[in-house]
N, C-alpha and C. Protein backbone atom coordinates (compact mmCIF):
# COMPACT_ATOMS: atom_id res chain seq x y z
N MET A 1 -14.72 50.16 71.58
CA MET A 1 -14.86 50.57 70.21
C MET A 1 -15.03 52.09 70.17
N LYS A 2 -14.24 52.72 69.33
CA LYS A 2 -14.25 54.18 69.22
C LYS A 2 -14.39 54.56 67.75
N PHE A 3 -15.24 55.57 67.49
CA PHE A 3 -15.32 56.12 66.14
C PHE A 3 -15.79 57.56 66.21
N TYR A 4 -15.48 58.29 65.18
CA TYR A 4 -15.97 59.66 65.01
C TYR A 4 -17.06 59.63 63.95
N SER A 5 -18.07 60.45 64.13
CA SER A 5 -19.08 60.67 63.09
C SER A 5 -18.93 62.11 62.62
N VAL A 6 -19.16 62.33 61.34
CA VAL A 6 -18.93 63.68 60.80
C VAL A 6 -20.02 64.03 59.79
N ASP A 7 -20.32 65.32 59.73
CA ASP A 7 -21.20 65.85 58.70
C ASP A 7 -20.73 67.25 58.37
N VAL A 8 -20.93 67.64 57.11
CA VAL A 8 -20.62 69.01 56.70
C VAL A 8 -21.82 69.60 55.98
N GLU A 9 -21.88 70.91 56.01
CA GLU A 9 -22.82 71.67 55.20
C GLU A 9 -21.98 72.53 54.27
N THR A 10 -22.48 72.76 53.07
CA THR A 10 -21.74 73.57 52.10
C THR A 10 -22.54 74.81 51.72
N ALA A 11 -21.82 75.83 51.28
CA ALA A 11 -22.41 77.13 50.96
C ALA A 11 -23.03 77.17 49.57
N ASN A 12 -22.59 76.27 48.70
CA ASN A 12 -23.03 76.29 47.31
C ASN A 12 -22.75 74.92 46.69
N PRO A 13 -23.02 74.72 45.40
CA PRO A 13 -22.82 73.39 44.80
C PRO A 13 -21.37 72.89 44.80
N ASP A 14 -20.42 73.76 44.98
CA ASP A 14 -19.02 73.34 45.04
C ASP A 14 -18.79 72.63 46.37
N GLN A 15 -18.48 71.33 46.30
CA GLN A 15 -18.35 70.56 47.54
C GLN A 15 -17.18 70.99 48.42
N SER A 16 -16.29 71.83 47.92
CA SER A 16 -15.22 72.34 48.78
C SER A 16 -15.66 73.57 49.57
N SER A 17 -16.90 74.01 49.38
CA SER A 17 -17.38 75.23 50.05
C SER A 17 -17.97 74.93 51.43
N ILE A 18 -17.25 74.15 52.22
CA ILE A 18 -17.72 73.77 53.55
C ILE A 18 -17.94 75.01 54.41
N CYS A 19 -19.15 75.13 54.98
CA CYS A 19 -19.45 76.28 55.83
C CYS A 19 -19.79 75.87 57.27
N GLN A 20 -19.92 74.57 57.52
CA GLN A 20 -20.14 74.07 58.87
C GLN A 20 -19.68 72.63 58.94
N ILE A 21 -19.02 72.29 60.05
CA ILE A 21 -18.59 70.92 60.32
C ILE A 21 -19.11 70.53 61.69
N GLY A 22 -19.66 69.32 61.79
CA GLY A 22 -20.09 68.77 63.07
C GLY A 22 -19.49 67.39 63.25
N ILE A 23 -19.00 67.12 64.45
CA ILE A 23 -18.32 65.85 64.74
C ILE A 23 -18.80 65.31 66.08
N GLY A 24 -19.08 64.01 66.10
CA GLY A 24 -19.38 63.33 67.35
C GLY A 24 -18.32 62.26 67.61
N LEU A 25 -17.94 62.09 68.84
CA LEU A 25 -17.03 61.01 69.24
C LEU A 25 -17.85 59.99 70.03
N PHE A 26 -17.85 58.76 69.54
CA PHE A 26 -18.57 57.67 70.19
C PHE A 26 -17.56 56.66 70.72
N GLU A 27 -17.77 56.24 71.97
CA GLU A 27 -16.95 55.18 72.57
C GLU A 27 -17.88 54.16 73.21
N ASN A 28 -17.69 52.91 72.84
CA ASN A 28 -18.50 51.81 73.37
C ASN A 28 -20.00 52.09 73.30
N GLY A 29 -20.42 52.66 72.18
CA GLY A 29 -21.84 52.88 71.93
C GLY A 29 -22.42 54.16 72.49
N GLU A 30 -21.61 54.97 73.13
CA GLU A 30 -22.10 56.20 73.75
C GLU A 30 -21.44 57.42 73.12
N LEU A 31 -22.22 58.48 72.95
CA LEU A 31 -21.68 59.76 72.51
C LEU A 31 -20.96 60.38 73.70
N VAL A 32 -19.64 60.63 73.55
CA VAL A 32 -18.87 61.14 74.68
C VAL A 32 -18.33 62.55 74.47
N ASP A 33 -18.32 63.02 73.22
CA ASP A 33 -17.82 64.37 72.98
C ASP A 33 -18.33 64.85 71.63
N THR A 34 -18.38 66.16 71.48
CA THR A 34 -18.79 66.76 70.21
C THR A 34 -17.90 67.95 69.89
N TRP A 35 -17.88 68.28 68.61
CA TRP A 35 -17.16 69.47 68.13
C TRP A 35 -17.93 70.02 66.95
N LYS A 36 -18.10 71.33 66.93
CA LYS A 36 -18.85 71.97 65.85
C LYS A 36 -18.23 73.33 65.57
N SER A 37 -18.17 73.67 64.29
CA SER A 37 -17.65 74.99 63.93
C SER A 37 -18.26 75.45 62.62
N TYR A 38 -18.58 76.73 62.58
CA TYR A 38 -18.85 77.36 61.30
C TYR A 38 -17.51 77.57 60.63
N ILE A 39 -17.49 77.50 59.32
CA ILE A 39 -16.27 77.66 58.53
C ILE A 39 -16.53 78.73 57.47
N ASP A 40 -15.59 79.64 57.32
CA ASP A 40 -15.69 80.62 56.25
C ASP A 40 -15.27 79.93 54.95
N PRO A 41 -16.20 79.71 54.02
CA PRO A 41 -15.86 78.98 52.80
C PRO A 41 -15.08 79.82 51.78
N GLU A 42 -14.91 81.09 52.09
CA GLU A 42 -14.22 82.00 51.18
C GLU A 42 -14.83 81.96 49.78
N GLY A 43 -16.14 81.94 49.75
CA GLY A 43 -16.86 81.90 48.49
C GLY A 43 -18.29 82.36 48.72
N TYR A 44 -19.09 82.26 47.71
CA TYR A 44 -20.46 82.75 47.78
C TYR A 44 -21.39 81.72 48.41
N PHE A 45 -22.51 82.22 48.89
CA PHE A 45 -23.58 81.37 49.40
C PHE A 45 -24.72 81.39 48.39
N HIS A 46 -25.12 80.20 47.94
CA HIS A 46 -26.25 80.09 47.02
C HIS A 46 -27.53 80.10 47.86
N TRP A 47 -28.53 80.82 47.38
CA TRP A 47 -29.77 80.96 48.14
C TRP A 47 -30.44 79.62 48.43
N ARG A 48 -30.33 78.66 47.52
CA ARG A 48 -30.96 77.35 47.78
C ARG A 48 -30.30 76.65 48.96
N PHE A 49 -29.00 76.79 49.09
CA PHE A 49 -28.29 76.15 50.19
C PHE A 49 -28.63 76.84 51.51
N ILE A 50 -28.78 78.16 51.48
CA ILE A 50 -29.21 78.89 52.68
C ILE A 50 -30.60 78.40 53.08
N ASP A 51 -31.48 78.19 52.12
CA ASP A 51 -32.83 77.68 52.42
C ASP A 51 -32.77 76.30 53.07
N ILE A 52 -31.82 75.48 52.67
CA ILE A 52 -31.71 74.12 53.20
C ILE A 52 -31.20 74.13 54.64
N HIS A 53 -30.06 74.80 54.88
CA HIS A 53 -29.45 74.71 56.22
C HIS A 53 -29.55 75.97 57.06
N GLY A 54 -29.93 77.07 56.46
CA GLY A 54 -30.11 78.31 57.24
C GLY A 54 -28.82 79.05 57.57
N ILE A 55 -27.71 78.60 57.06
CA ILE A 55 -26.43 79.25 57.35
C ILE A 55 -26.23 80.38 56.33
N THR A 56 -25.95 81.57 56.82
CA THR A 56 -25.80 82.75 55.97
C THR A 56 -24.36 83.26 56.01
N PRO A 57 -24.00 84.12 55.05
CA PRO A 57 -22.66 84.70 55.07
C PRO A 57 -22.36 85.45 56.38
N LYS A 58 -23.37 86.10 56.93
CA LYS A 58 -23.18 86.83 58.20
C LYS A 58 -22.79 85.88 59.34
N MET A 59 -23.36 84.67 59.32
CA MET A 59 -23.08 83.70 60.39
C MET A 59 -21.64 83.19 60.36
N VAL A 60 -21.01 83.19 59.19
CA VAL A 60 -19.63 82.68 59.10
C VAL A 60 -18.59 83.79 59.10
N ARG A 61 -19.04 85.05 59.09
CA ARG A 61 -18.10 86.16 59.11
C ARG A 61 -17.25 86.09 60.38
N GLY A 62 -15.94 86.11 60.21
CA GLY A 62 -15.03 86.05 61.35
C GLY A 62 -14.74 84.65 61.85
N THR A 63 -15.31 83.63 61.21
CA THR A 63 -15.04 82.25 61.63
C THR A 63 -13.79 81.75 60.89
N PRO A 64 -13.21 80.65 61.36
CA PRO A 64 -11.99 80.17 60.69
C PRO A 64 -12.25 79.66 59.28
N THR A 65 -11.25 79.78 58.44
CA THR A 65 -11.28 79.12 57.14
C THR A 65 -10.88 77.66 57.38
N PHE A 66 -11.08 76.82 56.39
CA PHE A 66 -10.79 75.40 56.58
C PHE A 66 -9.34 75.13 57.00
N PRO A 67 -8.34 75.79 56.40
CA PRO A 67 -6.96 75.51 56.84
C PRO A 67 -6.73 75.76 58.33
N LYS A 68 -7.51 76.64 58.94
CA LYS A 68 -7.35 76.93 60.37
C LYS A 68 -7.83 75.79 61.26
N VAL A 69 -8.72 74.93 60.75
CA VAL A 69 -9.21 73.81 61.56
C VAL A 69 -8.59 72.48 61.11
N TYR A 70 -7.75 72.53 60.11
CA TYR A 70 -7.13 71.32 59.55
C TYR A 70 -6.43 70.49 60.64
N LEU A 71 -5.61 71.11 61.47
CA LEU A 71 -4.87 70.33 62.48
C LEU A 71 -5.80 69.71 63.53
N ILE A 72 -6.87 70.41 63.87
CA ILE A 72 -7.86 69.86 64.81
C ILE A 72 -8.46 68.58 64.22
N LEU A 73 -8.85 68.67 62.95
CA LEU A 73 -9.45 67.51 62.28
C LEU A 73 -8.45 66.38 62.14
N ARG A 74 -7.22 66.71 61.81
CA ARG A 74 -6.20 65.68 61.65
C ARG A 74 -5.98 64.94 62.96
N GLN A 75 -5.92 65.67 64.07
CA GLN A 75 -5.72 65.04 65.38
C GLN A 75 -6.86 64.08 65.71
N MET A 76 -8.07 64.43 65.32
CA MET A 76 -9.21 63.55 65.59
C MET A 76 -9.26 62.37 64.64
N PHE A 77 -9.15 62.63 63.34
CA PHE A 77 -9.47 61.64 62.33
C PHE A 77 -8.34 60.70 61.95
N GLU A 78 -7.11 61.15 62.01
CA GLU A 78 -6.01 60.36 61.45
C GLU A 78 -5.95 58.97 62.07
N ASN A 79 -5.98 57.95 61.21
CA ASN A 79 -5.92 56.54 61.59
C ASN A 79 -7.09 56.08 62.47
N ASN A 80 -8.17 56.81 62.44
CA ASN A 80 -9.37 56.43 63.18
C ASN A 80 -10.50 56.12 62.22
N ILE A 81 -11.54 55.49 62.75
CA ILE A 81 -12.75 55.24 61.97
C ILE A 81 -13.57 56.52 61.98
N VAL A 82 -13.95 56.96 60.79
CA VAL A 82 -14.78 58.16 60.65
C VAL A 82 -16.02 57.76 59.86
N VAL A 83 -17.17 57.90 60.50
CA VAL A 83 -18.44 57.50 59.92
C VAL A 83 -19.10 58.72 59.29
N HIS A 84 -19.60 58.53 58.08
CA HIS A 84 -20.31 59.60 57.37
C HIS A 84 -21.55 58.97 56.75
N HIS A 85 -22.50 59.80 56.34
CA HIS A 85 -23.73 59.29 55.73
C HIS A 85 -23.74 59.66 54.26
N SER A 86 -23.40 58.74 53.43
CA SER A 86 -23.29 58.88 51.97
C SER A 86 -21.93 59.48 51.61
N PRO A 87 -21.52 59.37 50.37
CA PRO A 87 -20.18 59.84 49.99
C PRO A 87 -19.99 61.36 50.03
N PHE A 88 -21.06 62.12 50.14
CA PHE A 88 -20.96 63.58 50.04
C PHE A 88 -19.89 64.17 50.97
N ASP A 89 -19.93 63.80 52.24
CA ASP A 89 -19.02 64.40 53.22
C ASP A 89 -17.57 64.02 52.94
N ARG A 90 -17.34 62.76 52.61
CA ARG A 90 -15.99 62.30 52.30
C ARG A 90 -15.43 63.05 51.09
N VAL A 91 -16.25 63.21 50.06
CA VAL A 91 -15.82 63.92 48.86
C VAL A 91 -15.59 65.40 49.17
N ALA A 92 -16.44 65.98 50.00
CA ALA A 92 -16.26 67.39 50.38
C ALA A 92 -14.91 67.60 51.05
N PHE A 93 -14.52 66.69 51.94
CA PHE A 93 -13.21 66.81 52.58
C PHE A 93 -12.08 66.70 51.55
N ARG A 94 -12.18 65.73 50.67
CA ARG A 94 -11.14 65.57 49.66
C ARG A 94 -11.03 66.84 48.80
N ASN A 95 -12.17 67.40 48.42
CA ASN A 95 -12.16 68.60 47.58
C ASN A 95 -11.60 69.82 48.30
N VAL A 96 -11.93 69.98 49.58
CA VAL A 96 -11.41 71.13 50.31
C VAL A 96 -9.91 70.98 50.57
N PHE A 97 -9.44 69.75 50.75
CA PHE A 97 -8.00 69.53 50.87
C PHE A 97 -7.30 69.94 49.58
N ASP A 98 -7.87 69.54 48.45
CA ASP A 98 -7.29 69.92 47.16
C ASP A 98 -7.32 71.43 46.97
N LYS A 99 -8.42 72.06 47.32
CA LYS A 99 -8.58 73.51 47.15
C LYS A 99 -7.46 74.28 47.85
N TYR A 100 -7.11 73.83 49.05
CA TYR A 100 -6.11 74.55 49.85
C TYR A 100 -4.72 73.91 49.80
N GLY A 101 -4.56 72.82 49.08
CA GLY A 101 -3.26 72.17 49.00
C GLY A 101 -2.81 71.58 50.33
N LEU A 102 -3.73 71.04 51.10
CA LEU A 102 -3.42 70.49 52.43
C LEU A 102 -2.91 69.06 52.31
N GLU A 103 -1.99 68.71 53.19
CA GLU A 103 -1.40 67.37 53.18
C GLU A 103 -2.43 66.33 53.58
N PRO A 104 -2.62 65.30 52.76
CA PRO A 104 -3.58 64.26 53.11
C PRO A 104 -3.08 63.39 54.26
N PHE A 105 -4.01 62.72 54.93
CA PHE A 105 -3.66 61.78 55.99
C PHE A 105 -4.64 60.61 55.93
N GLU A 106 -4.26 59.51 56.54
CA GLU A 106 -5.03 58.28 56.44
C GLU A 106 -6.24 58.29 57.38
N VAL A 107 -7.38 57.90 56.82
CA VAL A 107 -8.63 57.83 57.56
C VAL A 107 -9.34 56.53 57.17
N ASN A 108 -9.94 55.87 58.12
CA ASN A 108 -10.75 54.68 57.87
C ASN A 108 -12.22 55.11 57.76
N TRP A 109 -12.67 55.37 56.53
CA TRP A 109 -14.03 55.85 56.30
C TRP A 109 -15.03 54.69 56.38
N LEU A 110 -16.18 54.97 56.93
CA LEU A 110 -17.28 54.01 56.97
C LEU A 110 -18.57 54.75 56.64
N ASP A 111 -19.25 54.30 55.61
CA ASP A 111 -20.48 54.93 55.16
C ASP A 111 -21.67 54.29 55.87
N SER A 112 -22.39 55.08 56.65
CA SER A 112 -23.53 54.53 57.40
C SER A 112 -24.68 54.10 56.48
N VAL A 113 -24.72 54.61 55.26
CA VAL A 113 -25.72 54.14 54.30
C VAL A 113 -25.47 52.67 53.96
N GLN A 114 -24.22 52.31 53.72
CA GLN A 114 -23.88 50.91 53.44
C GLN A 114 -24.24 50.03 54.63
N VAL A 115 -23.92 50.50 55.82
CA VAL A 115 -24.24 49.74 57.03
C VAL A 115 -25.75 49.56 57.16
N ALA A 116 -26.50 50.64 56.94
CA ALA A 116 -27.96 50.57 57.08
C ALA A 116 -28.57 49.60 56.07
N ARG A 117 -28.06 49.62 54.85
CA ARG A 117 -28.59 48.70 53.83
C ARG A 117 -28.35 47.24 54.21
N LYS A 118 -27.21 46.97 54.84
CA LYS A 118 -26.90 45.60 55.25
C LYS A 118 -27.70 45.20 56.50
N THR A 119 -28.14 46.18 57.28
CA THR A 119 -28.78 45.90 58.55
C THR A 119 -30.31 45.90 58.46
N TRP A 120 -30.87 46.86 57.73
CA TRP A 120 -32.33 47.02 57.65
C TRP A 120 -32.76 47.02 56.19
N ASP A 121 -32.90 45.86 55.61
CA ASP A 121 -33.32 45.81 54.21
C ASP A 121 -34.81 46.11 54.04
N GLU A 122 -35.53 46.19 55.14
CA GLU A 122 -36.97 46.42 55.08
C GLU A 122 -37.36 47.90 55.09
N VAL A 123 -36.41 48.81 55.13
CA VAL A 123 -36.71 50.24 55.20
C VAL A 123 -37.39 50.70 53.93
N ASP A 124 -38.54 51.36 54.10
CA ASP A 124 -39.26 51.95 52.96
C ASP A 124 -38.85 53.41 52.84
N GLY A 125 -38.77 53.90 51.62
CA GLY A 125 -38.51 55.32 51.40
C GLY A 125 -37.05 55.68 51.25
N GLY A 126 -36.18 54.71 51.22
CA GLY A 126 -34.76 54.98 51.00
C GLY A 126 -33.97 55.14 52.28
N TYR A 127 -32.67 55.33 52.11
CA TYR A 127 -31.75 55.35 53.23
C TYR A 127 -31.17 56.74 53.48
N ASN A 128 -31.91 57.79 53.07
CA ASN A 128 -31.41 59.12 53.40
C ASN A 128 -31.49 59.31 54.91
N LEU A 129 -30.75 60.27 55.42
CA LEU A 129 -30.60 60.42 56.87
C LEU A 129 -31.94 60.65 57.56
N ALA A 130 -32.76 61.52 57.03
CA ALA A 130 -34.04 61.83 57.67
C ALA A 130 -34.96 60.61 57.71
N ASN A 131 -35.05 59.87 56.61
CA ASN A 131 -35.91 58.70 56.56
C ASN A 131 -35.42 57.61 57.52
N LEU A 132 -34.13 57.37 57.51
CA LEU A 132 -33.56 56.34 58.37
C LEU A 132 -33.72 56.71 59.85
N ALA A 133 -33.48 57.98 60.18
CA ALA A 133 -33.66 58.42 61.56
C ALA A 133 -35.11 58.24 62.01
N SER A 134 -36.04 58.59 61.15
CA SER A 134 -37.46 58.42 61.46
C SER A 134 -37.79 56.94 61.69
N TYR A 135 -37.29 56.08 60.81
CA TYR A 135 -37.51 54.65 60.94
C TYR A 135 -36.99 54.11 62.27
N LEU A 136 -35.84 54.65 62.71
CA LEU A 136 -35.20 54.15 63.94
C LEU A 136 -35.63 54.93 65.20
N GLY A 137 -36.51 55.93 65.04
CA GLY A 137 -36.99 56.69 66.18
C GLY A 137 -35.98 57.69 66.73
N ILE A 138 -35.09 58.18 65.87
CA ILE A 138 -34.09 59.17 66.28
C ILE A 138 -34.59 60.55 65.88
N GLN A 139 -34.74 61.43 66.85
CA GLN A 139 -35.17 62.80 66.56
C GLN A 139 -33.95 63.70 66.44
N PHE A 140 -33.99 64.59 65.45
CA PHE A 140 -32.86 65.51 65.27
C PHE A 140 -33.27 66.67 64.40
N GLN A 141 -32.45 67.71 64.40
CA GLN A 141 -32.67 68.89 63.56
C GLN A 141 -31.82 68.70 62.30
N HIS A 142 -32.49 68.35 61.21
CA HIS A 142 -31.79 68.04 59.97
C HIS A 142 -31.10 69.27 59.38
N HIS A 143 -29.95 69.04 58.77
CA HIS A 143 -29.12 70.05 58.11
C HIS A 143 -28.43 70.98 59.09
N ASP A 144 -28.25 70.56 60.31
CA ASP A 144 -27.28 71.14 61.23
C ASP A 144 -26.18 70.10 61.30
N ALA A 145 -24.95 70.50 60.98
CA ALA A 145 -23.88 69.51 60.83
C ALA A 145 -23.67 68.67 62.09
N LEU A 146 -23.75 69.27 63.27
CA LEU A 146 -23.56 68.48 64.49
C LEU A 146 -24.72 67.51 64.70
N GLU A 147 -25.93 67.98 64.53
CA GLU A 147 -27.10 67.10 64.68
C GLU A 147 -27.03 65.94 63.69
N ASP A 148 -26.69 66.25 62.45
CA ASP A 148 -26.59 65.19 61.43
C ASP A 148 -25.49 64.20 61.76
N SER A 149 -24.35 64.69 62.25
CA SER A 149 -23.24 63.77 62.57
C SER A 149 -23.60 62.87 63.75
N ILE A 150 -24.25 63.42 64.74
CA ILE A 150 -24.66 62.62 65.90
C ILE A 150 -25.68 61.56 65.46
N THR A 151 -26.61 61.95 64.61
CA THR A 151 -27.61 61.01 64.10
C THR A 151 -26.94 59.88 63.32
N CYS A 152 -25.97 60.24 62.51
CA CYS A 152 -25.20 59.24 61.76
C CYS A 152 -24.54 58.25 62.71
N GLY A 153 -23.93 58.76 63.77
CA GLY A 153 -23.30 57.89 64.77
C GLY A 153 -24.31 57.00 65.48
N LYS A 154 -25.47 57.55 65.81
CA LYS A 154 -26.52 56.76 66.47
C LYS A 154 -27.04 55.65 65.56
N ILE A 155 -27.12 55.93 64.27
CA ILE A 155 -27.54 54.89 63.32
C ILE A 155 -26.54 53.74 63.35
N LEU A 156 -25.25 54.05 63.35
CA LEU A 156 -24.24 52.99 63.40
C LEU A 156 -24.35 52.20 64.70
N VAL A 157 -24.54 52.88 65.83
CA VAL A 157 -24.66 52.19 67.11
C VAL A 157 -25.87 51.26 67.11
N LYS A 158 -27.01 51.74 66.60
CA LYS A 158 -28.21 50.89 66.53
C LYS A 158 -27.97 49.68 65.63
N ALA A 159 -27.23 49.86 64.55
CA ALA A 159 -26.91 48.73 63.67
C ALA A 159 -26.03 47.72 64.38
N ILE A 160 -25.04 48.21 65.10
CA ILE A 160 -24.16 47.31 65.86
C ILE A 160 -24.97 46.54 66.89
N LEU A 161 -25.85 47.24 67.60
CA LEU A 161 -26.68 46.57 68.61
C LEU A 161 -27.56 45.48 67.98
N LYS A 162 -28.10 45.77 66.81
CA LYS A 162 -28.94 44.76 66.15
C LYS A 162 -28.11 43.56 65.73
N ILE A 163 -26.97 43.80 65.12
CA ILE A 163 -26.11 42.71 64.65
C ILE A 163 -25.52 41.91 65.81
N GLN A 164 -25.20 42.60 66.90
CA GLN A 164 -24.55 41.95 68.05
C GLN A 164 -25.55 41.53 69.13
N ASN A 165 -26.82 41.44 68.77
CA ASN A 165 -27.85 41.01 69.73
C ASN A 165 -27.88 41.85 71.00
N GLY A 166 -27.81 43.16 70.83
CA GLY A 166 -27.94 44.06 71.98
C GLY A 166 -26.66 44.42 72.67
N TYR A 167 -25.51 44.01 72.15
CA TYR A 167 -24.24 44.31 72.79
C TYR A 167 -23.34 45.12 71.87
N VAL A 168 -22.68 46.09 72.45
CA VAL A 168 -21.61 46.78 71.73
C VAL A 168 -20.32 46.16 72.21
N VAL A 169 -19.66 45.45 71.33
CA VAL A 169 -18.46 44.70 71.71
C VAL A 169 -17.22 45.53 71.36
N PRO A 170 -16.53 46.05 72.36
CA PRO A 170 -15.41 46.95 72.09
C PRO A 170 -14.27 46.32 71.29
N LYS A 171 -14.07 45.03 71.37
CA LYS A 171 -12.92 44.40 70.73
C LYS A 171 -13.10 44.22 69.23
N PHE A 172 -14.34 44.18 68.77
CA PHE A 172 -14.58 43.94 67.34
C PHE A 172 -14.33 45.20 66.54
N HIS A 173 -13.80 45.01 65.38
CA HIS A 173 -13.63 46.11 64.45
C HIS A 173 -14.95 46.30 63.71
N ILE A 174 -15.42 47.50 63.59
CA ILE A 174 -16.73 47.78 63.00
C ILE A 174 -16.86 47.17 61.61
N LYS A 175 -15.85 47.28 60.78
CA LYS A 175 -15.95 46.78 59.41
C LYS A 175 -16.06 45.26 59.39
N THR A 176 -15.50 44.58 60.37
CA THR A 176 -15.62 43.14 60.46
C THR A 176 -17.06 42.75 60.78
N ILE A 177 -17.70 43.50 61.67
CA ILE A 177 -19.08 43.21 62.06
C ILE A 177 -20.00 43.23 60.84
N PHE A 178 -19.82 44.21 59.97
CA PHE A 178 -20.73 44.38 58.84
C PHE A 178 -20.19 43.80 57.53
N TYR A 179 -19.07 43.11 57.60
CA TYR A 179 -18.48 42.48 56.41
C TYR A 179 -18.29 43.50 55.29
N LEU A 180 -17.84 44.67 55.66
CA LEU A 180 -17.59 45.72 54.67
C LEU A 180 -16.12 45.71 54.29
N PRO A 181 -15.82 46.03 53.06
CA PRO A 181 -14.41 46.07 52.66
C PRO A 181 -13.66 47.16 53.40
N ALA A 182 -12.44 46.88 53.75
CA ALA A 182 -11.60 47.90 54.39
C ALA A 182 -11.42 49.03 53.39
N ARG A 183 -11.66 50.24 53.83
CA ARG A 183 -11.55 51.39 52.93
C ARG A 183 -10.69 52.45 53.59
N LYS A 184 -9.40 52.27 53.48
CA LYS A 184 -8.48 53.27 53.99
C LYS A 184 -8.23 54.26 52.88
N ASN A 185 -8.57 55.47 53.13
CA ASN A 185 -8.37 56.51 52.15
C ASN A 185 -7.56 57.63 52.77
N PHE A 186 -7.00 58.39 51.93
CA PHE A 186 -6.32 59.57 52.40
C PHE A 186 -7.23 60.76 52.16
N LEU A 187 -7.30 61.61 53.16
CA LEU A 187 -8.08 62.84 52.98
C LEU A 187 -7.31 63.77 52.09
């Protein structure tokens, strides 16, 4: 079983203002590779967003704009399962594709919030990433895109292990395990 986990940080309330992307590649329940990049959002940074993630305009100066990493993302994501935590990241990708007029491609999105709700109905305090990670004993640095994406992937692996009685079964399709509707979307 193979899937990518992804998280983005944005520079301001405009969800197309991606300023950092973090990706984890999981195979058979193990994190096997990562990719992280600052992105020049070609826009302003709102002070509240800087307070949240600590990314400043100086940190993204000279980094690629989103169109420069488009092919890298397409090679990873196209026709693969991509796990995200809540709709924010998926919508951010759709918006940045629209902003730059980039050609969409097919992705099998899976929301780890939906998976968590089906797996741990006893969680107090909601299913936000920090609360869920705390509940599951996962330590991470919140609002770093790579840390958040890895945590998202670990949440999915823990859910699979719980549902499969301690086994990660490579032959099963993740959406079948959790009885989630197939959600093929184009980025």
